[in-house]
Amino acid sequence: MSRLRERYRAGKEPVHPDSRLAAIIERHRHRYADVAMCMGVLVVVVCMVVAAHVIADWLDLAV
């Protein structure tokens, strides 16, 4: 088997549950969820502000 094919197949194997990476992800998964929720709220707030400005400009209101 060529080296290129070996490299391609290397990413296809599942992560062993006892590996160090799996332990780090398991230990910090609540932080990842918190960061994802904060980013989601930030995106929603920014979209609402932009929409308010677009509507205000469309109605010729001064904000």
N, C-alpha and C. Protein backbone atom coordinates (compact mmCIF):
# COMPACT_ATOMS: atom_id res chain seq x y z
N MET A 1 0.84 -1.17 0.00
CA MET A 1 0.00 0.00 0.00
C MET A 1 0.89 1.24 0.00
N SER A 2 0.51 2.23 -0.76
CA SER A 2 1.33 3.43 -0.85
C SER A 2 1.18 4.29 0.40
N ARG A 3 2.14 5.18 0.57
CA ARG A 3 2.09 6.08 1.74
C ARG A 3 0.89 7.01 1.68
N LEU A 4 0.53 7.47 0.49
CA LEU A 4 -0.60 8.36 0.34
C LEU A 4 -1.89 7.68 0.80
N ARG A 5 -2.06 6.43 0.40
CA ARG A 5 -3.26 5.70 0.79
C ARG A 5 -3.27 5.45 2.30
N GLU A 6 -2.11 5.19 2.89
CA GLU A 6 -2.04 4.99 4.34
C GLU A 6 -2.42 6.27 5.07
N ARG A 7 -1.95 7.41 4.57
CA ARG A 7 -2.28 8.69 5.19
C ARG A 7 -3.78 8.96 5.07
N TYR A 8 -4.36 8.62 3.91
CA TYR A 8 -5.78 8.84 3.69
C TYR A 8 -6.62 7.98 4.63
N ARG A 9 -6.20 6.76 4.87
CA ARG A 9 -6.95 5.84 5.73
C ARG A 9 -6.75 6.17 7.21
N ALA A 10 -5.71 6.91 7.55
CA ALA A 10 -5.42 7.16 8.95
C ALA A 10 -6.54 7.94 9.63
N GLY A 11 -7.20 8.84 8.94
CA GLY A 11 -8.26 9.63 9.54
C GLY A 11 -9.59 8.92 9.62
N LYS A 12 -9.72 7.75 9.06
CA LYS A 12 -10.99 7.05 9.00
C LYS A 12 -11.27 6.20 10.23
N GLU A 13 -10.28 5.97 11.05
CA GLU A 13 -10.49 5.13 12.23
C GLU A 13 -11.10 5.95 13.35
N PRO A 14 -12.04 5.38 14.11
CA PRO A 14 -12.64 6.12 15.22
C PRO A 14 -11.63 6.36 16.35
N VAL A 15 -11.91 7.37 17.14
CA VAL A 15 -11.02 7.70 18.26
C VAL A 15 -11.22 6.67 19.36
N HIS A 16 -10.14 6.17 19.88
CA HIS A 16 -10.22 5.21 20.98
C HIS A 16 -10.73 5.93 22.22
N PRO A 17 -11.75 5.41 22.91
CA PRO A 17 -12.35 6.13 24.04
C PRO A 17 -11.39 6.35 25.21
N ASP A 18 -10.34 5.59 25.31
CA ASP A 18 -9.38 5.76 26.40
C ASP A 18 -8.23 6.68 26.01
N SER A 19 -8.29 7.26 24.81
CA SER A 19 -7.18 8.11 24.38
C SER A 19 -7.18 9.42 25.15
N ARG A 20 -6.07 10.09 25.08
CA ARG A 20 -5.91 11.35 25.81
C ARG A 20 -6.82 12.44 25.24
N LEU A 21 -6.97 12.48 23.90
CA LEU A 21 -7.83 13.46 23.27
C LEU A 21 -9.28 13.27 23.69
N ALA A 22 -9.75 12.03 23.73
CA ALA A 22 -11.12 11.76 24.16
C ALA A 22 -11.33 12.20 25.60
N ALA A 23 -10.34 12.02 26.45
CA ALA A 23 -10.47 12.44 27.85
C ALA A 23 -10.53 13.96 27.96
N ILE A 24 -9.74 14.66 27.16
CA ILE A 24 -9.76 16.12 27.18
C ILE A 24 -11.11 16.64 26.71
N ILE A 25 -11.62 16.09 25.62
CA ILE A 25 -12.92 16.52 25.10
C ILE A 25 -14.02 16.23 26.10
N GLU A 26 -13.99 15.07 26.71
CA GLU A 26 -15.02 14.71 27.70
C GLU A 26 -14.96 15.64 28.91
N ARG A 27 -13.78 16.00 29.32
CA ARG A 27 -13.62 16.85 30.50
C ARG A 27 -14.08 18.27 30.23
N HIS A 28 -13.93 18.76 29.01
CA HIS A 28 -14.23 20.15 28.70
C HIS A 28 -15.47 20.34 27.82
N ARG A 29 -16.28 19.33 27.65
CA ARG A 29 -17.40 19.46 26.72
C ARG A 29 -18.41 20.51 27.18
N HIS A 30 -18.57 20.71 28.48
CA HIS A 30 -19.50 21.74 28.94
C HIS A 30 -19.00 23.13 28.57
N ARG A 31 -17.69 23.33 28.55
CA ARG A 31 -17.14 24.62 28.13
C ARG A 31 -17.38 24.85 26.65
N TYR A 32 -17.24 23.80 25.85
CA TYR A 32 -17.50 23.93 24.42
C TYR A 32 -18.96 24.28 24.19
N ALA A 33 -19.86 23.68 24.94
CA ALA A 33 -21.29 23.99 24.81
C ALA A 33 -21.56 25.43 25.23
N ASP A 34 -20.94 25.89 26.31
CA ASP A 34 -21.13 27.27 26.75
C ASP A 34 -20.62 28.27 25.71
N VAL A 35 -19.47 28.00 25.15
CA VAL A 35 -18.92 28.89 24.13
C VAL A 35 -19.82 28.90 22.90
N ALA A 36 -20.33 27.74 22.51
CA ALA A 36 -21.22 27.66 21.35
C ALA A 36 -22.51 28.43 21.60
N MET A 37 -23.07 28.32 22.80
CA MET A 37 -24.29 29.06 23.11
C MET A 37 -24.03 30.56 23.13
N CYS A 38 -22.91 30.99 23.68
CA CYS A 38 -22.58 32.42 23.69
C CYS A 38 -22.42 32.95 22.27
N MET A 39 -21.77 32.19 21.43
CA MET A 39 -21.61 32.61 20.04
C MET A 39 -22.96 32.67 19.33
N GLY A 40 -23.83 31.72 19.61
CA GLY A 40 -25.17 31.73 19.02
C GLY A 40 -25.97 32.94 19.45
N VAL A 41 -25.93 33.27 20.73
CA VAL A 41 -26.64 34.45 21.23
C VAL A 41 -26.06 35.71 20.60
N LEU A 42 -24.75 35.78 20.49
CA LEU A 42 -24.11 36.94 19.88
C LEU A 42 -24.55 37.11 18.43
N VAL A 43 -24.61 36.03 17.68
CA VAL A 43 -25.05 36.09 16.29
C VAL A 43 -26.50 36.56 16.20
N VAL A 44 -27.37 36.04 17.07
CA VAL A 44 -28.78 36.45 17.05
C VAL A 44 -28.91 37.93 17.37
N VAL A 45 -28.19 38.41 18.38
CA VAL A 45 -28.29 39.82 18.76
C VAL A 45 -27.78 40.72 17.63
N VAL A 46 -26.68 40.35 17.03
CA VAL A 46 -26.14 41.15 15.92
C VAL A 46 -27.13 41.17 14.76
N CYS A 47 -27.74 40.04 14.45
CA CYS A 47 -28.72 39.99 13.36
C CYS A 47 -29.93 40.86 13.68
N MET A 48 -30.37 40.87 14.94
CA MET A 48 -31.51 41.70 15.32
C MET A 48 -31.17 43.19 15.21
N VAL A 49 -29.97 43.57 15.61
CA VAL A 49 -29.56 44.97 15.49
C VAL A 49 -29.47 45.39 14.04
N VAL A 50 -28.89 44.56 13.21
CA VAL A 50 -28.79 44.87 11.78
C VAL A 50 -30.18 44.97 11.17
N ALA A 51 -31.07 44.04 11.53
CA ALA A 51 -32.44 44.08 11.00
C ALA A 51 -33.15 45.35 11.45
N ALA A 52 -32.95 45.77 12.69
CA ALA A 52 -33.58 47.00 13.18
C ALA A 52 -33.09 48.21 12.40
N HIS A 53 -31.80 48.25 12.11
CA HIS A 53 -31.25 49.37 11.34
C HIS A 53 -31.75 49.35 9.90
N VAL A 54 -31.87 48.17 9.32
CA VAL A 54 -32.37 48.07 7.94
C VAL A 54 -33.82 48.53 7.88
N ILE A 55 -34.63 48.10 8.85
CA ILE A 55 -36.04 48.51 8.87
C ILE A 55 -36.14 50.01 9.13
N ALA A 56 -35.32 50.54 10.02
CA ALA A 56 -35.34 51.97 10.29
C ALA A 56 -34.94 52.78 9.06
N ASP A 57 -33.95 52.31 8.32
CA ASP A 57 -33.56 53.00 7.09
C ASP A 57 -34.65 52.89 6.03
N TRP A 58 -35.30 51.75 5.97
CA TRP A 58 -36.35 51.53 4.98
C TRP A 58 -37.56 52.43 5.28
N LEU A 59 -37.85 52.65 6.55
CA LEU A 59 -38.97 53.51 6.94
C LEU A 59 -38.55 54.97 7.13
N ASP A 60 -37.30 55.28 6.85
CA ASP A 60 -36.74 56.64 7.01
C ASP A 60 -36.89 57.14 8.43
N LEU A 61 -36.57 56.30 9.39
CA LEU A 61 -36.58 56.68 10.79
C LEU A 61 -35.15 56.98 11.23
N ALA A 62 -35.01 57.84 12.20
CA ALA A 62 -33.69 58.15 12.74
C ALA A 62 -33.49 57.31 13.99
N VAL A 63 -32.44 56.50 14.00
CA VAL A 63 -32.15 55.66 15.17
C VAL A 63 -30.96 56.23 15.90
